[in-house]
Amino acid sequence: MAEPARLQVDLTGRRVLVTGATQGIGLAIATALAHSGATVCLNGPALGDELDTACHAAGAAFGIAADLTQANDVEHL
């Protein structure tokens, strides 16, 4: 993966939820936010290792697996 984008803003002390964050654009956004100081929660339908790997790659604080097309998962998130 290329060097993560750096935002021109300090997000230290901010908390951010990024949905669809286990790959592609969502993961890139989560990574940029984390590198800008935000505490980031990644969300995606992935379970276990894939979500853990995405969190580690993004420098995110934690992840919550949830399928946002399912009402119970939305409540859990």
C-alpha atoms as a PDB file:
ATOM      1  CA  MET A   1       0.000   0.000   0.000  1.00  0.00           C
ATOM      2  CA  ALA A   2       1.238   3.502  -0.788  1.00  0.00           C
ATOM      3  CA  GLU A   3       2.073   6.098   1.856  1.00  0.00           C
ATOM      4  CA  PRO A   4      -1.214   7.133   3.543  1.00  0.00           C
ATOM      5  CA  ALA A   5      -2.641  10.531   2.719  1.00  0.00           C
ATOM      6  CA  ARG A   6      -1.987  13.226   5.303  1.00  0.00           C
ATOM      7  CA  LEU A   7      -4.844  15.532   6.122  1.00  0.00           C
ATOM      8  CA  GLN A   8      -4.101  19.212   6.681  1.00  0.00           C
ATOM      9  CA  VAL A   9      -5.920  19.179  10.015  1.00  0.00           C
ATOM     10  CA  ASP A  10      -5.084  17.960  13.515  1.00  0.00           C
ATOM     11  CA  LEU A  11      -7.752  15.532  14.667  1.00  0.00           C
ATOM     12  CA  THR A  12      -6.181  14.728  18.014  1.00  0.00           C
ATOM     13  CA  GLY A  13      -8.906  14.093  20.586  1.00  0.00           C
ATOM     14  CA  ARG A  14     -11.589  13.439  17.950  1.00  0.00           C
ATOM     15  CA  ARG A  15     -13.403  10.123  17.602  1.00  0.00           C
ATOM     16  CA  VAL A  16     -14.410   8.863  14.162  1.00  0.00           C
ATOM     17  CA  LEU A  17     -16.461   5.912  12.901  1.00  0.00           C
ATOM     18  CA  VAL A  18     -15.656   4.812   9.348  1.00  0.00           C
ATOM     19  CA  THR A  19     -18.062   2.317   7.788  1.00  0.00           C
ATOM     20  CA  GLY A  20     -16.962   0.076   4.938  1.00  0.00           C
ATOM     21  CA  ALA A  21     -13.433   0.415   6.274  1.00  0.00           C
ATOM     22  CA  THR A  22     -11.948  -3.053   5.831  1.00  0.00           C
ATOM     23  CA  GLN A  23     -10.624  -2.426   2.335  1.00  0.00           C
ATOM     24  CA  GLY A  24     -10.300   0.037  -0.522  1.00  0.00           C
ATOM     25  CA  ILE A  25     -11.412   3.645  -0.121  1.00  0.00           C
ATOM     26  CA  GLY A  26     -12.856   3.117   3.376  1.00  0.00           C
ATOM     27  CA  LEU A  27      -9.539   1.725   4.635  1.00  0.00           C
ATOM     28  CA  ALA A  28      -7.626   4.607   3.017  1.00  0.00           C
ATOM     29  CA  ILE A  29      -9.935   7.151   4.685  1.00  0.00           C
ATOM     30  CA  ALA A  30      -9.608   5.431   8.073  1.00  0.00           C
ATOM     31  CA  THR A  31      -5.819   5.377   7.708  1.00  0.00           C
ATOM     32  CA  ALA A  32      -5.657   9.091   6.845  1.00  0.00           C
ATOM     33  CA  LEU A  33      -7.870   9.963   9.812  1.00  0.00           C
ATOM     34  CA  ALA A  34      -5.793   7.833  12.199  1.00  0.00           C
ATOM     35  CA  HIS A  35      -2.556   9.379  10.922  1.00  0.00           C
ATOM     36  CA  SER A  36      -4.093  12.798  11.553  1.00  0.00           C
ATOM     37  CA  GLY A  37      -4.584  11.989  15.240  1.00  0.00           C
ATOM     38  CA  ALA A  38      -8.181  10.767  15.402  1.00  0.00           C
ATOM     39  CA  THR A  39      -9.234   7.746  17.417  1.00  0.00           C
ATOM     40  CA  VAL A  40     -10.743   5.621  14.669  1.00  0.00           C
ATOM     41  CA  CYS A  41     -13.294   2.803  14.851  1.00  0.00           C
ATOM     42  CA  LEU A  42     -13.399   0.696  11.697  1.00  0.00           C
ATOM     43  CA  ASN A  43     -16.625  -0.986  10.659  1.00  0.00           C
ATOM     44  CA  GLY A  44     -17.197  -3.628   8.049  1.00  0.00           C
ATOM     45  CA  PRO A  45     -19.049  -6.891   7.622  1.00  0.00           C
ATOM     46  CA  ALA A  46     -15.739  -8.792   7.920  1.00  0.00           C
ATOM     47  CA  LEU A  47     -15.118 -10.996  10.896  1.00  0.00           C
ATOM     48  CA  GLY A  48     -12.024 -11.828  12.896  1.00  0.00           C
ATOM     49  CA  ASP A  49      -8.651 -11.609  11.218  1.00  0.00           C
ATOM     50  CA  GLU A  50      -9.702  -9.403   8.282  1.00  0.00           C
ATOM     51  CA  LEU A  51     -11.040  -6.686  10.589  1.00  0.00           C
ATOM     52  CA  ASP A  52      -8.017  -7.009  12.909  1.00  0.00           C
ATOM     53  CA  THR A  53      -5.657  -6.741   9.927  1.00  0.00           C
ATOM     54  CA  ALA A  54      -7.465  -3.627   8.654  1.00  0.00           C
ATOM     55  CA  CYS A  55      -7.279  -2.005  12.112  1.00  0.00           C
ATOM     56  CA  HIS A  56      -3.567  -2.696  12.339  1.00  0.00           C
ATOM     57  CA  ALA A  57      -2.946  -1.411   8.795  1.00  0.00           C
ATOM     58  CA  ALA A  58      -4.866   1.811   9.459  1.00  0.00           C
ATOM     59  CA  GLY A  59      -3.416   2.438  12.902  1.00  0.00           C
ATOM     60  CA  ALA A  60      -7.021   2.431  14.132  1.00  0.00           C
ATOM     61  CA  ALA A  61      -7.978   2.007  17.754  1.00  0.00           C
ATOM     62  CA  PHE A  62     -10.516  -0.773  17.248  1.00  0.00           C
ATOM     63  CA  GLY A  63     -13.011  -2.355  14.892  1.00  0.00           C
ATOM     64  CA  ILE A  64     -16.582  -3.548  15.137  1.00  0.00           C
ATOM     65  CA  ALA A  65     -17.913  -6.105  12.660  1.00  0.00           C
ATOM     66  CA  ALA A  66     -21.452  -5.206  11.641  1.00  0.00           C
ATOM     67  CA  ASP A  67     -23.501  -5.651   8.477  1.00  0.00           C
ATOM     68  CA  LEU A  68     -25.337  -2.345   8.126  1.00  0.00           C
ATOM     69  CA  THR A  69     -28.120  -3.996   6.134  1.00  0.00           C
ATOM     70  CA  GLN A  70     -29.128  -5.895   9.301  1.00  0.00           C
ATOM     71  CA  ALA A  71     -31.068  -4.008  12.006  1.00  0.00           C
ATOM     72  CA  ASN A  72     -29.572  -6.027  14.864  1.00  0.00           C
ATOM     73  CA  ASP A  73     -26.028  -5.297  13.659  1.00  0.00           C
ATOM     74  CA  VAL A  74     -26.814  -1.582  13.384  1.00  0.00           C
ATOM     75  CA  GLU A  75     -28.041  -1.548  16.998  1.00  0.00           C
ATOM     76  CA  HIS A  76     -24.879  -3.419  18.057  1.00  0.00           C
ATOM     77  CA  LEU A  77     -22.694  -0.851  16.310  1.00  0.00           C
END
